[in-house]
Amino acid sequence: MNGFFKYDGPFISMMTRVANLMIVSILWVLTCLPVITVIPASAALFHTVVKVVRGKGKGVVKDFFVSFVANLKQGIILNLIFGVIGALLAYSIYIALQFKSIPGFLYLGFGIFLAIVWCMTVLYLAPVLSRFEGSIGQLIRIALYLPTKNMLLTFLMLILFAIIVFLTDFYPIVLMFTPGVYVDLVAGSIDKKMAAFAEGN
């Protein structure tokens, strides 16, 4: 039992992990406040969880802000692109709901399909930005390609993300740890898929 509470024992390791996930979640919330920085903040979140929480980085705060600054320019551009696309899709679906006809139903179905593709791509944008270097177009293509090769993982990510959004809507305080927990749960699988993609190219 004494070994359980040792410096390198399971209890201290678990508490350190919990504290790191909470710290990185708070950093993510703070750096998301300008809104246009959500994607670079999310890239820094993914990078930090993979390198520090799950690996051996240089420190939660340092690694987070190094990644955030490095990905800030491209991240803001991606944020604006997908923000505009998301807004247009939402408006198109709203318009389609006003038509009670077969063409309107088909238009709605197509809009929902594109919205699902948009959601899946957005889920991969931050991990791709944190892992790969390239032009905006190349990063988007990778983020669009990866979900199509990992549909089961992608749908599980969407479900988990929806659950977290639902919990946050009722209990905003959970934002102090849910971003880090979400990434911690999916990071291992996404990192393996990106590593396999990199090796295949």
N, C-alpha and C. Protein backbone atom coordinates (compact mmCIF):
# COMPACT_ATOMS: atom_id res chain seq x y z
N MET A 1 0.83 -1.21 0.00
CA MET A 1 0.00 0.00 0.00
C MET A 1 0.86 1.26 0.00
N ASN A 2 2.04 1.19 0.68
CA ASN A 2 2.92 2.35 0.73
C ASN A 2 3.41 2.74 -0.66
N GLY A 3 3.64 1.70 -1.50
CA GLY A 3 4.11 1.97 -2.85
C GLY A 3 3.09 2.72 -3.69
N PHE A 4 1.81 2.61 -3.32
CA PHE A 4 0.74 3.26 -4.06
C PHE A 4 0.88 4.78 -4.01
N PHE A 5 1.41 5.30 -2.87
CA PHE A 5 1.53 6.74 -2.67
C PHE A 5 2.96 7.24 -2.89
N LYS A 6 3.84 6.41 -3.43
CA LYS A 6 5.21 6.85 -3.71
C LYS A 6 5.21 7.91 -4.80
N TYR A 7 6.33 8.64 -4.90
CA TYR A 7 6.43 9.73 -5.88
C TYR A 7 6.15 9.24 -7.29
N ASP A 8 6.67 8.05 -7.62
CA ASP A 8 6.45 7.49 -8.95
C ASP A 8 5.39 6.39 -8.94
N GLY A 9 4.58 6.38 -7.87
CA GLY A 9 3.53 5.38 -7.73
C GLY A 9 2.29 5.72 -8.55
N PRO A 10 1.34 4.80 -8.62
CA PRO A 10 0.14 5.00 -9.45
C PRO A 10 -0.74 6.16 -9.02
N PHE A 11 -0.83 6.43 -7.70
CA PHE A 11 -1.71 7.51 -7.25
C PHE A 11 -1.17 8.87 -7.69
N ILE A 12 0.12 9.10 -7.46
CA ILE A 12 0.73 10.38 -7.85
C ILE A 12 0.69 10.55 -9.36
N SER A 13 0.95 9.46 -10.09
CA SER A 13 0.90 9.52 -11.55
C SER A 13 -0.49 9.87 -12.04
N MET A 14 -1.50 9.27 -11.42
CA MET A 14 -2.89 9.54 -11.81
C MET A 14 -3.27 10.99 -11.52
N MET A 15 -2.89 11.49 -10.34
CA MET A 15 -3.22 12.86 -9.97
C MET A 15 -2.49 13.87 -10.86
N THR A 16 -1.25 13.54 -11.23
CA THR A 16 -0.49 14.41 -12.14
C THR A 16 -1.16 14.48 -13.50
N ARG A 17 -1.63 13.33 -13.97
CA ARG A 17 -2.32 13.27 -15.25
C ARG A 17 -3.61 14.09 -15.22
N VAL A 18 -4.37 13.96 -14.14
CA VAL A 18 -5.62 14.71 -13.99
C VAL A 18 -5.33 16.22 -13.96
N ALA A 19 -4.29 16.61 -13.20
CA ALA A 19 -3.93 18.02 -13.10
C ALA A 19 -3.50 18.57 -14.46
N ASN A 20 -2.70 17.79 -15.20
CA ASN A 20 -2.25 18.24 -16.53
C ASN A 20 -3.42 18.40 -17.50
N LEU A 21 -4.37 17.46 -17.44
CA LEU A 21 -5.55 17.56 -18.31
C LEU A 21 -6.40 18.78 -17.96
N MET A 22 -6.46 19.10 -16.68
CA MET A 22 -7.22 20.28 -16.27
C MET A 22 -6.51 21.56 -16.71
N ILE A 23 -5.20 21.60 -16.55
CA ILE A 23 -4.43 22.79 -16.95
C ILE A 23 -4.55 23.03 -18.45
N VAL A 24 -4.36 21.96 -19.24
CA VAL A 24 -4.41 22.13 -20.69
C VAL A 24 -5.82 22.49 -21.16
N SER A 25 -6.83 22.01 -20.44
CA SER A 25 -8.22 22.36 -20.79
C SER A 25 -8.48 23.84 -20.53
N ILE A 26 -7.99 24.34 -19.41
CA ILE A 26 -8.17 25.76 -19.09
C ILE A 26 -7.42 26.64 -20.09
N LEU A 27 -6.20 26.22 -20.47
CA LEU A 27 -5.44 26.97 -21.48
C LEU A 27 -6.20 27.00 -22.80
N TRP A 28 -6.82 25.87 -23.15
CA TRP A 28 -7.59 25.80 -24.39
C TRP A 28 -8.76 26.77 -24.35
N VAL A 29 -9.49 26.79 -23.25
CA VAL A 29 -10.65 27.69 -23.12
C VAL A 29 -10.20 29.15 -23.25
N LEU A 30 -9.12 29.51 -22.59
CA LEU A 30 -8.64 30.89 -22.62
C LEU A 30 -8.19 31.31 -24.02
N THR A 31 -7.49 30.42 -24.71
CA THR A 31 -6.99 30.78 -26.05
C THR A 31 -8.07 30.67 -27.12
N CYS A 32 -9.22 30.09 -26.78
CA CYS A 32 -10.35 30.04 -27.72
C CYS A 32 -11.23 31.28 -27.64
N LEU A 33 -11.04 32.11 -26.62
CA LEU A 33 -11.92 33.25 -26.41
C LEU A 33 -12.02 34.20 -27.59
N PRO A 34 -10.94 34.44 -28.36
CA PRO A 34 -11.11 35.30 -29.55
C PRO A 34 -11.94 34.65 -30.65
N VAL A 35 -12.32 33.39 -30.49
CA VAL A 35 -13.15 32.62 -31.43
C VAL A 35 -12.38 32.23 -32.70
N ILE A 36 -11.73 33.19 -33.34
CA ILE A 36 -10.99 32.87 -34.57
C ILE A 36 -9.74 32.04 -34.28
N THR A 37 -9.45 31.79 -33.01
CA THR A 37 -8.27 31.01 -32.65
C THR A 37 -8.64 29.61 -32.15
N VAL A 38 -9.88 29.18 -32.40
CA VAL A 38 -10.31 27.87 -31.91
C VAL A 38 -9.46 26.74 -32.50
N ILE A 39 -9.20 26.78 -33.80
CA ILE A 39 -8.44 25.69 -34.43
C ILE A 39 -6.98 25.67 -33.98
N PRO A 40 -6.25 26.81 -33.97
CA PRO A 40 -4.88 26.74 -33.44
C PRO A 40 -4.84 26.36 -31.96
N ALA A 41 -5.83 26.78 -31.18
CA ALA A 41 -5.90 26.38 -29.78
C ALA A 41 -6.13 24.88 -29.66
N SER A 42 -6.98 24.34 -30.54
CA SER A 42 -7.27 22.91 -30.52
C SER A 42 -6.05 22.10 -30.98
N ALA A 43 -5.29 22.65 -31.93
CA ALA A 43 -4.06 22.00 -32.37
C ALA A 43 -3.06 21.94 -31.22
N ALA A 44 -2.97 23.03 -30.47
CA ALA A 44 -2.07 23.07 -29.31
C ALA A 44 -2.54 22.10 -28.23
N LEU A 45 -3.86 21.99 -28.07
CA LEU A 45 -4.43 21.03 -27.11
C LEU A 45 -4.04 19.61 -27.48
N PHE A 46 -4.24 19.25 -28.75
CA PHE A 46 -3.90 17.90 -29.21
C PHE A 46 -2.40 17.63 -29.04
N HIS A 47 -1.58 18.58 -29.48
CA HIS A 47 -0.13 18.44 -29.38
C HIS A 47 0.31 18.22 -27.93
N THR A 48 -0.24 19.01 -27.04
CA THR A 48 0.17 18.95 -25.63
C THR A 48 -0.26 17.65 -24.97
N VAL A 49 -1.47 17.20 -25.28
CA VAL A 49 -1.94 15.94 -24.69
C VAL A 49 -1.07 14.78 -25.18
N VAL A 50 -0.74 14.77 -26.47
CA VAL A 50 0.07 13.69 -27.04
C VAL A 50 1.49 13.73 -26.50
N LYS A 51 2.09 14.92 -26.47
CA LYS A 51 3.50 15.04 -26.11
C LYS A 51 3.74 15.06 -24.61
N VAL A 52 2.88 15.70 -23.84
CA VAL A 52 3.12 15.86 -22.41
C VAL A 52 2.30 14.88 -21.57
N VAL A 53 0.99 14.93 -21.72
CA VAL A 53 0.13 14.11 -20.88
C VAL A 53 0.33 12.63 -21.17
N ARG A 54 0.45 12.29 -22.47
CA ARG A 54 0.61 10.90 -22.87
C ARG A 54 2.06 10.53 -23.13
N GLY A 55 2.96 11.52 -23.15
CA GLY A 55 4.36 11.24 -23.47
C GLY A 55 5.32 11.95 -22.54
N LYS A 56 6.36 12.54 -23.12
CA LYS A 56 7.40 13.18 -22.32
C LYS A 56 7.77 14.52 -22.93
N GLY A 57 6.86 15.46 -22.86
CA GLY A 57 7.12 16.79 -23.38
C GLY A 57 7.91 17.63 -22.39
N LYS A 58 8.04 18.91 -22.69
CA LYS A 58 8.83 19.80 -21.84
C LYS A 58 8.00 20.46 -20.75
N GLY A 59 6.69 20.31 -20.81
CA GLY A 59 5.82 20.92 -19.82
C GLY A 59 4.52 21.35 -20.46
N VAL A 60 3.44 21.27 -19.72
CA VAL A 60 2.12 21.55 -20.28
C VAL A 60 2.03 22.97 -20.84
N VAL A 61 2.34 23.96 -20.04
CA VAL A 61 2.19 25.36 -20.46
C VAL A 61 3.14 25.69 -21.61
N LYS A 62 4.41 25.30 -21.47
CA LYS A 62 5.40 25.61 -22.51
C LYS A 62 5.04 24.96 -23.84
N ASP A 63 4.76 23.66 -23.80
CA ASP A 63 4.44 22.95 -25.04
C ASP A 63 3.16 23.49 -25.69
N PHE A 64 2.18 23.84 -24.86
CA PHE A 64 0.92 24.36 -25.39
C PHE A 64 1.16 25.65 -26.16
N PHE A 65 1.86 26.60 -25.56
CA PHE A 65 2.02 27.90 -26.22
C PHE A 65 3.01 27.85 -27.38
N VAL A 66 3.99 26.97 -27.34
CA VAL A 66 4.89 26.80 -28.49
C VAL A 66 4.10 26.32 -29.69
N SER A 67 3.24 25.33 -29.48
CA SER A 67 2.39 24.81 -30.57
C SER A 67 1.37 25.85 -31.01
N PHE A 68 0.78 26.55 -30.06
CA PHE A 68 -0.24 27.55 -30.38
C PHE A 68 0.33 28.65 -31.27
N VAL A 69 1.48 29.17 -30.91
CA VAL A 69 2.11 30.24 -31.70
C VAL A 69 2.53 29.72 -33.07
N ALA A 70 3.09 28.51 -33.10
CA ALA A 70 3.58 27.94 -34.37
C ALA A 70 2.45 27.73 -35.37
N ASN A 71 1.26 27.41 -34.88
CA ASN A 71 0.13 27.11 -35.76
C ASN A 71 -0.89 28.25 -35.86
N LEU A 72 -0.57 29.39 -35.27
CA LEU A 72 -1.55 30.48 -35.16
C LEU A 72 -2.00 31.01 -36.53
N LYS A 73 -1.06 31.32 -37.41
CA LYS A 73 -1.40 31.93 -38.70
C LYS A 73 -2.27 31.00 -39.54
N GLN A 74 -1.80 29.78 -39.77
CA GLN A 74 -2.58 28.84 -40.58
C GLN A 74 -3.89 28.46 -39.88
N GLY A 75 -3.82 28.38 -38.56
CA GLY A 75 -5.01 28.02 -37.80
C GLY A 75 -6.12 29.05 -37.93
N ILE A 76 -5.76 30.32 -37.90
CA ILE A 76 -6.76 31.38 -38.05
C ILE A 76 -7.38 31.35 -39.44
N ILE A 77 -6.54 31.12 -40.47
CA ILE A 77 -7.06 31.03 -41.83
C ILE A 77 -8.05 29.87 -41.96
N LEU A 78 -7.67 28.70 -41.41
CA LEU A 78 -8.55 27.53 -41.44
C LEU A 78 -9.83 27.81 -40.66
N ASN A 79 -9.69 28.52 -39.56
CA ASN A 79 -10.84 28.89 -38.73
C ASN A 79 -11.83 29.73 -39.53
N LEU A 80 -11.31 30.70 -40.26
CA LEU A 80 -12.17 31.58 -41.05
C LEU A 80 -12.83 30.82 -42.20
N ILE A 81 -12.05 29.98 -42.88
CA ILE A 81 -12.58 29.21 -44.01
C ILE A 81 -13.73 28.32 -43.56
N PHE A 82 -13.47 27.53 -42.51
CA PHE A 82 -14.49 26.57 -42.08
C PHE A 82 -15.62 27.24 -41.30
N GLY A 83 -15.34 28.41 -40.73
CA GLY A 83 -16.41 29.16 -40.10
C GLY A 83 -17.41 29.66 -41.12
N VAL A 84 -16.90 30.17 -42.23
CA VAL A 84 -17.77 30.66 -43.31
C VAL A 84 -18.54 29.50 -43.94
N ILE A 85 -17.84 28.39 -44.20
CA ILE A 85 -18.51 27.22 -44.79
C ILE A 85 -19.60 26.70 -43.85
N GLY A 86 -19.30 26.63 -42.56
CA GLY A 86 -20.28 26.17 -41.58
C GLY A 86 -21.49 27.07 -41.52
N ALA A 87 -21.27 28.38 -41.58
CA ALA A 87 -22.38 29.33 -41.54
C ALA A 87 -23.26 29.20 -42.79
N LEU A 88 -22.62 29.02 -43.95
CA LEU A 88 -23.37 28.85 -45.20
C LEU A 88 -24.19 27.56 -45.18
N LEU A 89 -23.61 26.49 -44.65
CA LEU A 89 -24.33 25.22 -44.55
C LEU A 89 -25.53 25.35 -43.61
N ALA A 90 -25.32 26.00 -42.48
CA ALA A 90 -26.42 26.18 -41.51
C ALA A 90 -27.54 27.00 -42.14
N TYR A 91 -27.17 28.05 -42.89
CA TYR A 91 -28.19 28.88 -43.55
C TYR A 91 -28.92 28.09 -44.63
N SER A 92 -28.17 27.27 -45.38
CA SER A 92 -28.79 26.47 -46.45
C SER A 92 -29.78 25.46 -45.88
N ILE A 93 -29.41 24.83 -44.77
CA ILE A 93 -30.31 23.86 -44.13
C ILE A 93 -31.55 24.56 -43.61
N TYR A 94 -31.36 25.75 -43.06
CA TYR A 94 -32.50 26.54 -42.57
C TYR A 94 -33.46 26.86 -43.72
N ILE A 95 -32.92 27.28 -44.85
CA ILE A 95 -33.75 27.60 -46.02
C ILE A 95 -34.47 26.35 -46.51
N ALA A 96 -33.75 25.22 -46.55
CA ALA A 96 -34.35 23.97 -47.04
C ALA A 96 -35.52 23.54 -46.17
N LEU A 97 -35.45 23.83 -44.88
CA LEU A 97 -36.53 23.46 -43.96
C LEU A 97 -37.82 24.24 -44.24
N GLN A 98 -37.71 25.34 -44.95
CA GLN A 98 -38.88 26.16 -45.23
C GLN A 98 -39.71 25.60 -46.40
N PHE A 99 -39.08 24.72 -47.20
CA PHE A 99 -39.78 24.18 -48.38
C PHE A 99 -40.37 22.82 -48.06
N LYS A 100 -41.67 22.67 -48.26
CA LYS A 100 -42.37 21.41 -48.00
C LYS A 100 -42.64 20.72 -49.35
N SER A 101 -41.56 20.33 -50.00
CA SER A 101 -41.70 19.68 -51.30
C SER A 101 -40.57 18.68 -51.47
N ILE A 102 -40.67 17.85 -52.51
CA ILE A 102 -39.64 16.85 -52.77
C ILE A 102 -38.28 17.51 -53.09
N PRO A 103 -38.25 18.54 -53.96
CA PRO A 103 -36.96 19.21 -54.19
C PRO A 103 -36.37 19.80 -52.90
N GLY A 104 -37.25 20.36 -52.06
CA GLY A 104 -36.79 20.90 -50.79
C GLY A 104 -36.24 19.82 -49.88
N PHE A 105 -36.88 18.64 -49.88
CA PHE A 105 -36.42 17.51 -49.07
C PHE A 105 -35.06 17.02 -49.56
N LEU A 106 -34.89 16.95 -50.90
CA LEU A 106 -33.62 16.52 -51.46
C LEU A 106 -32.52 17.52 -51.14
N TYR A 107 -32.86 18.80 -51.22
CA TYR A 107 -31.91 19.86 -50.91
C TYR A 107 -31.49 19.78 -49.44
N LEU A 108 -32.47 19.49 -48.58
CA LEU A 108 -32.18 19.34 -47.15
C LEU A 108 -31.26 18.15 -46.90
N GLY A 109 -31.55 17.04 -47.56
CA GLY A 109 -30.72 15.85 -47.40
C GLY A 109 -29.29 16.09 -47.83
N PHE A 110 -29.13 16.80 -48.95
CA PHE A 110 -27.78 17.12 -49.44
C PHE A 110 -27.06 18.06 -48.48
N GLY A 111 -27.81 19.01 -47.94
CA GLY A 111 -27.22 19.94 -46.98
C GLY A 111 -26.77 19.24 -45.71
N ILE A 112 -27.57 18.29 -45.23
CA ILE A 112 -27.20 17.54 -44.03
C ILE A 112 -25.97 16.68 -44.29
N PHE A 113 -25.93 16.07 -45.49
CA PHE A 113 -24.75 15.27 -45.88
C PHE A 113 -23.48 16.12 -45.85
N LEU A 114 -23.55 17.32 -46.45
CA LEU A 114 -22.39 18.21 -46.46
C LEU A 114 -22.02 18.67 -45.05
N ALA A 115 -23.04 18.86 -44.21
CA ALA A 115 -22.78 19.27 -42.82
C ALA A 115 -22.05 18.17 -42.05
N ILE A 116 -22.41 16.91 -42.32
CA ILE A 116 -21.72 15.79 -41.67
C ILE A 116 -20.26 15.72 -42.13
N VAL A 117 -20.05 15.91 -43.44
CA VAL A 117 -18.68 15.93 -43.98
C VAL A 117 -17.89 17.07 -43.35
N TRP A 118 -18.54 18.23 -43.21
CA TRP A 118 -17.90 19.40 -42.58
C TRP A 118 -17.50 19.07 -41.14
N CYS A 119 -18.40 18.46 -40.39
CA CYS A 119 -18.12 18.11 -38.98
C CYS A 119 -16.95 17.13 -38.88
N MET A 120 -16.95 16.11 -39.74
CA MET A 120 -15.89 15.12 -39.70
C MET A 120 -14.53 15.74 -40.03
N THR A 121 -14.54 16.63 -41.02
CA THR A 121 -13.29 17.29 -41.42
C THR A 121 -12.77 18.19 -40.31
N VAL A 122 -13.68 18.94 -39.68
CA VAL A 122 -13.29 19.85 -38.60
C VAL A 122 -12.67 19.08 -37.43
N LEU A 123 -13.19 17.90 -37.14
CA LEU A 123 -12.64 17.09 -36.04
C LEU A 123 -11.18 16.74 -36.28
N TYR A 124 -10.80 16.60 -37.55
CA TYR A 124 -9.42 16.21 -37.86
C TYR A 124 -8.50 17.40 -38.14
N LEU A 125 -9.07 18.58 -38.31
CA LEU A 125 -8.25 19.74 -38.67
C LEU A 125 -7.16 20.03 -37.63
N ALA A 126 -7.55 20.07 -36.36
CA ALA A 126 -6.58 20.40 -35.31
C ALA A 126 -5.47 19.37 -35.20
N PRO A 127 -5.79 18.06 -35.15
CA PRO A 127 -4.71 17.06 -35.12
C PRO A 127 -3.79 17.16 -36.34
N VAL A 128 -4.39 17.36 -37.53
CA VAL A 128 -3.59 17.47 -38.77
C VAL A 128 -2.69 18.69 -38.71
N LEU A 129 -3.21 19.82 -38.26
CA LEU A 129 -2.43 21.05 -38.15
C LEU A 129 -1.28 20.87 -37.17
N SER A 130 -1.51 20.12 -36.09
CA SER A 130 -0.47 19.92 -35.08
C SER A 130 0.61 18.96 -35.54
N ARG A 131 0.29 18.12 -36.51
CA ARG A 131 1.21 17.04 -36.91
C ARG A 131 1.93 17.31 -38.24
N PHE A 132 1.23 17.90 -39.21
CA PHE A 132 1.78 18.03 -40.56
C PHE A 132 2.11 19.48 -40.90
N GLU A 133 3.07 19.62 -41.81
CA GLU A 133 3.40 20.93 -42.37
C GLU A 133 3.00 20.93 -43.84
N GLY A 134 2.50 22.05 -44.29
CA GLY A 134 2.09 22.14 -45.69
C GLY A 134 1.23 23.36 -45.91
N SER A 135 0.74 23.49 -47.13
CA SER A 135 -0.13 24.62 -47.45
C SER A 135 -1.52 24.41 -46.84
N ILE A 136 -2.32 25.45 -46.85
CA ILE A 136 -3.69 25.35 -46.35
C ILE A 136 -4.46 24.28 -47.12
N GLY A 137 -4.29 24.26 -48.44
CA GLY A 137 -4.97 23.28 -49.26
C GLY A 137 -4.56 21.85 -48.92
N GLN A 138 -3.28 21.64 -48.69
CA GLN A 138 -2.80 20.30 -48.35
C GLN A 138 -3.34 19.84 -47.00
N LEU A 139 -3.37 20.73 -46.03
CA LEU A 139 -3.89 20.39 -44.71
C LEU A 139 -5.37 20.04 -44.77
N ILE A 140 -6.12 20.79 -45.58
CA ILE A 140 -7.55 20.51 -45.72
C ILE A 140 -7.77 19.16 -46.39
N ARG A 141 -6.97 18.86 -47.41
CA ARG A 141 -7.10 17.57 -48.10
C ARG A 141 -6.83 16.40 -47.15
N ILE A 142 -5.81 16.54 -46.31
CA ILE A 142 -5.50 15.47 -45.35
C ILE A 142 -6.63 15.32 -44.35
N ALA A 143 -7.15 16.46 -43.85
CA ALA A 143 -8.24 16.41 -42.87
C ALA A 143 -9.52 15.87 -43.48
N LEU A 144 -9.69 16.05 -44.78
CA LEU A 144 -10.86 15.51 -45.48
C LEU A 144 -10.68 14.03 -45.79
N TYR A 145 -9.43 13.62 -46.06
CA TYR A 145 -9.14 12.23 -46.43
C TYR A 145 -9.19 11.28 -45.24
N LEU A 146 -8.61 11.67 -44.12
CA LEU A 146 -8.50 10.77 -42.97
C LEU A 146 -9.85 10.23 -42.46
N PRO A 147 -10.89 11.06 -42.35
CA PRO A 147 -12.18 10.50 -41.88
C PRO A 147 -12.74 9.43 -42.80
N THR A 148 -12.51 9.55 -44.12
CA THR A 148 -13.05 8.58 -45.06
C THR A 148 -12.38 7.22 -44.92
N LYS A 149 -11.16 7.19 -44.38
CA LYS A 149 -10.45 5.92 -44.20
C LYS A 149 -10.63 5.36 -42.80
N ASN A 150 -11.31 6.13 -41.93
CA ASN A 150 -11.49 5.70 -40.54
C ASN A 150 -12.90 6.07 -40.07
N MET A 151 -13.90 5.57 -40.79
CA MET A 151 -15.27 5.99 -40.54
C MET A 151 -15.76 5.63 -39.13
N LEU A 152 -15.43 4.43 -38.66
CA LEU A 152 -15.89 4.01 -37.34
C LEU A 152 -15.32 4.93 -36.26
N LEU A 153 -14.02 5.16 -36.31
CA LEU A 153 -13.38 6.06 -35.35
C LEU A 153 -13.99 7.46 -35.43
N THR A 154 -14.24 7.93 -36.65
CA THR A 154 -14.78 9.27 -36.84
C THR A 154 -16.17 9.41 -36.22
N PHE A 155 -17.03 8.41 -36.45
CA PHE A 155 -18.38 8.47 -35.88
C PHE A 155 -18.35 8.36 -34.36
N LEU A 156 -17.43 7.58 -33.83
CA LEU A 156 -17.28 7.49 -32.37
C LEU A 156 -16.83 8.84 -31.81
N MET A 157 -15.93 9.51 -32.54
CA MET A 157 -15.48 10.84 -32.13
C MET A 157 -16.64 11.83 -32.15
N LEU A 158 -17.47 11.75 -33.19
CA LEU A 158 -18.62 12.65 -33.29
C LEU A 158 -19.59 12.43 -32.13
N ILE A 159 -19.83 11.16 -31.80
CA ILE A 159 -20.75 10.85 -30.70
C ILE A 159 -20.18 11.35 -29.38
N LEU A 160 -18.89 11.10 -29.15
CA LEU A 160 -18.26 11.55 -27.91
C LEU A 160 -18.26 13.07 -27.82
N PHE A 161 -18.00 13.72 -28.95
CA PHE A 161 -18.00 15.19 -28.98
C PHE A 161 -19.39 15.73 -28.66
N ALA A 162 -20.43 15.09 -29.23
CA ALA A 162 -21.81 15.51 -28.98
C ALA A 162 -22.17 15.35 -27.50
N ILE A 163 -21.72 14.27 -26.89
CA ILE A 163 -21.98 14.05 -25.46
C ILE A 163 -21.34 15.14 -24.62
N ILE A 164 -20.10 15.50 -24.97
CA ILE A 164 -19.39 16.54 -24.22
C ILE A 164 -20.07 17.90 -24.39
N VAL A 165 -20.51 18.20 -25.61
CA VAL A 165 -21.23 19.46 -25.85
C VAL A 165 -22.52 19.48 -25.04
N PHE A 166 -23.23 18.35 -24.99
CA PHE A 166 -24.46 18.24 -24.22
C PHE A 166 -24.20 18.47 -22.73
N LEU A 167 -23.15 17.85 -22.20
CA LEU A 167 -22.81 18.03 -20.79
C LEU A 167 -22.41 19.47 -20.49
N THR A 168 -21.65 20.06 -21.42
CA THR A 168 -21.19 21.43 -21.22
C THR A 168 -22.35 22.41 -21.22
N ASP A 169 -23.36 22.12 -22.05
CA ASP A 169 -24.53 22.98 -22.12
C ASP A 169 -25.26 23.03 -20.78
N PHE A 170 -25.29 21.90 -20.08
CA PHE A 170 -25.97 21.82 -18.79
C PHE A 170 -25.06 22.21 -17.63
N TYR A 171 -23.76 21.86 -17.75
CA TYR A 171 -22.81 22.13 -16.67
C TYR A 171 -21.56 22.78 -17.26
N PRO A 172 -21.58 24.09 -17.49
CA PRO A 172 -20.43 24.77 -18.10
C PRO A 172 -19.11 24.56 -17.36
N ILE A 173 -19.18 24.26 -16.07
CA ILE A 173 -17.96 24.09 -15.28
C ILE A 173 -17.12 22.93 -15.78
N VAL A 174 -17.74 21.96 -16.48
CA VAL A 174 -16.99 20.79 -16.95
C VAL A 174 -15.96 21.15 -18.02
N LEU A 175 -16.06 22.38 -18.58
CA LEU A 175 -15.06 22.83 -19.55
C LEU A 175 -13.68 22.90 -18.94
N MET A 176 -13.61 22.84 -17.62
CA MET A 176 -12.31 22.88 -16.95
C MET A 176 -11.52 21.59 -17.16
N PHE A 177 -12.19 20.54 -17.63
CA PHE A 177 -11.45 19.30 -17.87
C PHE A 177 -11.89 18.50 -19.09
N THR A 178 -13.11 18.72 -19.60
CA THR A 178 -13.58 17.90 -20.72
C THR A 178 -12.78 18.05 -22.02
N PRO A 179 -12.27 19.23 -22.38
CA PRO A 179 -11.47 19.29 -23.62
C PRO A 179 -10.26 18.37 -23.57
N GLY A 180 -9.55 18.40 -22.45
CA GLY A 180 -8.38 17.53 -22.31
C GLY A 180 -8.75 16.07 -22.26
N VAL A 181 -9.84 15.74 -21.58
CA VAL A 181 -10.29 14.35 -21.48
C VAL A 181 -10.69 13.83 -22.86
N TYR A 182 -11.43 14.65 -23.62
CA TYR A 182 -11.84 14.25 -24.96
C TYR A 182 -10.63 13.90 -25.83
N VAL A 183 -9.66 14.81 -25.86
CA VAL A 183 -8.47 14.58 -26.68
C VAL A 183 -7.69 13.38 -26.17
N ASP A 184 -7.62 13.22 -24.84
CA ASP A 184 -6.90 12.08 -24.27
C ASP A 184 -7.52 10.76 -24.72
N LEU A 185 -8.85 10.74 -24.86
CA LEU A 185 -9.55 9.52 -25.25
C LEU A 185 -9.35 9.18 -26.73
N VAL A 186 -9.22 10.21 -27.58
CA VAL A 186 -9.14 9.96 -29.03
C VAL A 186 -7.73 10.11 -29.60
N ALA A 187 -6.83 10.73 -28.84
CA ALA A 187 -5.51 11.07 -29.38
C ALA A 187 -4.72 9.85 -29.84
N GLY A 188 -4.76 8.79 -29.06
CA GLY A 188 -3.98 7.60 -29.41
C GLY A 188 -4.36 7.04 -30.76
N SER A 189 -5.66 6.90 -31.01
CA SER A 189 -6.14 6.35 -32.27
C SER A 189 -5.85 7.29 -33.44
N ILE A 190 -6.09 8.58 -33.24
CA ILE A 190 -5.85 9.55 -34.32
C ILE A 190 -4.36 9.61 -34.65
N ASP A 191 -3.51 9.60 -33.63
CA ASP A 191 -2.07 9.68 -33.86
C ASP A 191 -1.57 8.48 -34.66
N LYS A 192 -2.12 7.30 -34.38
CA LYS A 192 -1.73 6.10 -35.13
C LYS A 192 -2.16 6.21 -36.59
N LYS A 193 -3.38 6.73 -36.82
CA LYS A 193 -3.87 6.89 -38.18
C LYS A 193 -3.03 7.90 -38.95
N MET A 194 -2.63 8.99 -38.29
CA MET A 194 -1.82 10.00 -38.96
C MET A 194 -0.41 9.47 -39.22
N ALA A 195 0.11 8.67 -38.30
CA ALA A 195 1.44 8.07 -38.49
C ALA A 195 1.42 7.11 -39.68
N ALA A 196 0.34 6.32 -39.77
CA ALA A 196 0.20 5.39 -40.90
C ALA A 196 0.09 6.15 -42.21
N PHE A 197 -0.66 7.26 -42.21
CA PHE A 197 -0.81 8.09 -43.41
C PHE A 197 0.54 8.67 -43.82
N ALA A 198 1.31 9.16 -42.83
CA ALA A 198 2.62 9.75 -43.13
C ALA A 198 3.58 8.72 -43.70
N GLU A 199 3.54 7.50 -43.18
CA GLU A 199 4.41 6.45 -43.67
C GLU A 199 4.03 6.01 -45.07
N GLY A 200 2.71 6.09 -45.37
CA GLY A 200 2.24 5.67 -46.69
C GLY A 200 2.46 6.71 -47.76
N ASN A 201 2.86 7.92 -47.32
CA ASN A 201 3.10 9.00 -48.29
C ASN A 201 4.54 9.47 -48.22
